[in-house]
C-alpha atoms as a PDB file:
ATOM      1  CA  UNK A   1      24.950  -8.230  -9.716  1.00  0.00           C
ATOM      2  CA  UNK A   2      26.739  -7.704  -6.479  1.00  0.00           C
ATOM      3  CA  UNK A   3      25.512  -9.125  -3.193  1.00  0.00           C
ATOM      4  CA  UNK A   4      24.742  -5.635  -1.884  1.00  0.00           C
ATOM      5  CA  UNK A   5      22.626  -4.773  -4.920  1.00  0.00           C
ATOM      6  CA  UNK A   6      20.781  -8.096  -4.731  1.00  0.00           C
ATOM      7  CA  UNK A   7      20.051  -7.455  -1.067  1.00  0.00           C
ATOM      8  CA  UNK A   8      18.757  -3.961  -1.859  1.00  0.00           C
ATOM      9  CA  UNK A   9      16.503  -5.307  -4.611  1.00  0.00           C
ATOM     10  CA  UNK A  10      15.204  -8.083  -2.352  1.00  0.00           C
ATOM     11  CA  UNK A  11      14.280  -5.557   0.343  1.00  0.00           C
ATOM     12  CA  UNK A  12      12.584  -3.327  -2.234  1.00  0.00           C
ATOM     13  CA  UNK A  13      10.558  -6.255  -3.599  1.00  0.00           C
ATOM     14  CA  UNK A  14       9.557  -7.360  -0.101  1.00  0.00           C
ATOM     15  CA  UNK A  15       8.419  -3.876   0.905  1.00  0.00           C
ATOM     16  CA  UNK A  16       6.444  -3.470  -2.301  1.00  0.00           C
ATOM     17  CA  UNK A  17       4.860  -6.898  -1.725  1.00  0.00           C
ATOM     18  CA  UNK A  18       3.658  -5.634   1.673  1.00  0.00           C
ATOM     19  CA  UNK A  19       2.446  -2.401   0.037  1.00  0.00           C
ATOM     20  CA  UNK A  20       0.396  -4.392  -2.457  1.00  0.00           C
ATOM     21  CA  UNK A  21      -0.959  -6.523   0.392  1.00  0.00           C
ATOM     22  CA  UNK A  22      -2.066  -3.300   2.110  1.00  0.00           C
ATOM     23  CA  UNK A  23      -3.699  -2.150  -1.137  1.00  0.00           C
ATOM     24  CA  UNK A  24      -5.676  -5.400  -1.213  1.00  0.00           C
ATOM     25  CA  UNK A  25      -6.451  -5.141   2.514  1.00  0.00           C
ATOM     26  CA  UNK A  26      -7.822  -1.612   2.089  1.00  0.00           C
ATOM     27  CA  UNK A  27      -9.645  -2.310  -1.176  1.00  0.00           C
ATOM     28  CA  UNK A  28      -7.409   0.021  -3.148  1.00  0.00           C
ATOM     29  CA  UNK A  29      -7.894  -0.563  -6.840  1.00  0.00           C
ATOM     30  CA  UNK A  30      -6.814   2.272  -9.111  1.00  0.00           C
ATOM     31  CA  UNK A  31      -7.385   1.420 -12.758  1.00  0.00           C
ATOM     32  CA  UNK A  32      -4.391   2.006 -14.979  1.00  0.00           C
ATOM     33  CA  UNK A  33      -6.234   4.606 -17.036  1.00  0.00           C
ATOM     34  CA  UNK A  34      -6.852   6.630 -13.825  1.00  0.00           C
ATOM     35  CA  UNK A  35      -3.394   6.152 -12.303  1.00  0.00           C
ATOM     36  CA  UNK A  36      -2.037   9.456 -13.636  1.00  0.00           C
ATOM     37  CA  UNK A  37      -4.681  11.354 -11.603  1.00  0.00           C
ATOM     38  CA  UNK A  38      -3.445   9.621  -8.452  1.00  0.00           C
ATOM     39  CA  UNK A  39       0.271   9.715  -9.238  1.00  0.00           C
ATOM     40  CA  UNK A  40       1.256  11.778  -6.192  1.00  0.00           C
ATOM     41  CA  UNK A  41      -0.385   9.384  -3.721  1.00  0.00           C
ATOM     42  CA  UNK A  42       0.804   6.285  -5.568  1.00  0.00           C
ATOM     43  CA  UNK A  43       4.343   7.678  -5.529  1.00  0.00           C
ATOM     44  CA  UNK A  44       4.094   8.745  -1.876  1.00  0.00           C
ATOM     45  CA  UNK A  45       2.962   5.264  -0.849  1.00  0.00           C
ATOM     46  CA  UNK A  46       5.743   3.626  -2.859  1.00  0.00           C
ATOM     47  CA  UNK A  47       8.425   5.850  -1.329  1.00  0.00           C
ATOM     48  CA  UNK A  48       7.076   5.545   2.214  1.00  0.00           C
ATOM     49  CA  UNK A  49       6.773   1.766   1.966  1.00  0.00           C
ATOM     50  CA  UNK A  50      10.245   1.494   0.487  1.00  0.00           C
ATOM     51  CA  UNK A  51      11.669   3.409   3.465  1.00  0.00           C
ATOM     52  CA  UNK A  52       9.642   1.359   5.954  1.00  0.00           C
ATOM     53  CA  UNK A  53      11.425  -0.612   8.637  1.00  0.00           C
ATOM     54  CA  UNK A  54       8.177  -2.076  10.042  1.00  0.00           C
ATOM     55  CA  UNK A  55       7.110  -4.618   7.424  1.00  0.00           C
ATOM     56  CA  UNK A  56       6.561  -7.394   9.999  1.00  0.00           C
ATOM     57  CA  UNK A  57       4.166  -5.340  12.157  1.00  0.00           C
ATOM     58  CA  UNK A  58       2.430  -4.165   8.994  1.00  0.00           C
ATOM     59  CA  UNK A  59       1.913  -7.742   7.808  1.00  0.00           C
ATOM     60  CA  UNK A  60       0.595  -8.673  11.258  1.00  0.00           C
ATOM     61  CA  UNK A  61      -1.775  -5.691  11.116  1.00  0.00           C
ATOM     62  CA  UNK A  62      -3.164  -7.022   7.844  1.00  0.00           C
ATOM     63  CA  UNK A  63      -3.387 -10.644   9.004  1.00  0.00           C
ATOM     64  CA  UNK A  64      -5.104  -9.634  12.256  1.00  0.00           C
ATOM     65  CA  UNK A  65      -7.769  -7.900  10.170  1.00  0.00           C
ATOM     66  CA  UNK A  66      -7.510  -4.392  11.557  1.00  0.00           C
ATOM     67  CA  UNK A  67      -9.148  -1.727   9.417  1.00  0.00           C
ATOM     68  CA  UNK A  68      -7.150   0.665   7.289  1.00  0.00           C
ATOM     69  CA  UNK A  69      -3.457   1.345   7.708  1.00  0.00           C
ATOM     70  CA  UNK A  70      -1.795   1.411  11.137  1.00  0.00           C
ATOM     71  CA  UNK A  71      -1.107   4.704  12.898  1.00  0.00           C
ATOM     72  CA  UNK A  72       2.645   4.128  12.613  1.00  0.00           C
ATOM     73  CA  UNK A  73       2.468   3.847   8.810  1.00  0.00           C
ATOM     74  CA  UNK A  74       4.268   6.624   6.936  1.00  0.00           C
ATOM     75  CA  UNK A  75       2.091   5.927   3.888  1.00  0.00           C
ATOM     76  CA  UNK A  76      -1.166   6.151   5.839  1.00  0.00           C
ATOM     77  CA  UNK A  77      -2.458   9.440   4.415  1.00  0.00           C
ATOM     78  CA  UNK A  78      -1.593   8.453   0.830  1.00  0.00           C
ATOM     79  CA  UNK A  79      -3.212   5.047   1.333  1.00  0.00           C
ATOM     80  CA  UNK A  80      -6.362   6.630   2.745  1.00  0.00           C
ATOM     81  CA  UNK A  81      -6.568   8.999  -0.230  1.00  0.00           C
ATOM     82  CA  UNK A  82      -6.159   6.073  -2.625  1.00  0.00           C
ATOM     83  CA  UNK A  83      -8.819   4.135  -0.721  1.00  0.00           C
ATOM     84  CA  UNK A  84     -11.233   7.057  -0.995  1.00  0.00           C
ATOM     85  CA  UNK A  85     -10.501   7.326  -4.721  1.00  0.00           C
ATOM     86  CA  UNK A  86     -11.173   3.608  -5.111  1.00  0.00           C
ATOM     87  CA  UNK A  87     -14.415   3.800  -3.109  1.00  0.00           C
ATOM     88  CA  UNK A  88     -15.601   6.662  -5.261  1.00  0.00           C
ATOM     89  CA  UNK A  89     -15.481   4.354  -8.269  1.00  0.00           C
ATOM     90  CA  UNK A  90     -16.574   1.193  -6.407  1.00  0.00           C
ATOM     91  CA  UNK A  91     -19.165   2.446  -3.880  1.00  0.00           C
ATOM     92  CA  UNK A  92     -20.823  -0.942  -3.337  1.00  0.00           C
ATOM     93  CA  UNK A  93     -17.597  -2.892  -2.789  1.00  0.00           C
ATOM     94  CA  UNK A  94     -17.686  -2.605   1.028  1.00  0.00           C
ATOM     95  CA  UNK A  95     -21.453  -2.990   1.327  1.00  0.00           C
ATOM     96  CA  UNK A  96     -21.179  -6.782   0.927  1.00  0.00           C
ATOM     97  CA  UNK A  97     -18.396  -7.089   3.505  1.00  0.00           C
END
């Protein structure tokens, strides 16, 4: 592969790594058998995170322990919808925290 393509793939992987970190941070856990029902929000979060130019502030947000997604996050509404969908199926998850 060319250097430009490798660079593009590296950026994509890094942004998706941060996206998955945000999923973990927000308690988002959509089972594979339910993923089709949440396709639009999963896709919206993937596209927004892939276009993100703020991965460092996002990682700091997570490491500092702030709740939810930051206000500047383009994926915020999709992430919140996915979090609500996860909570609906795991209502006691946050009770122990």
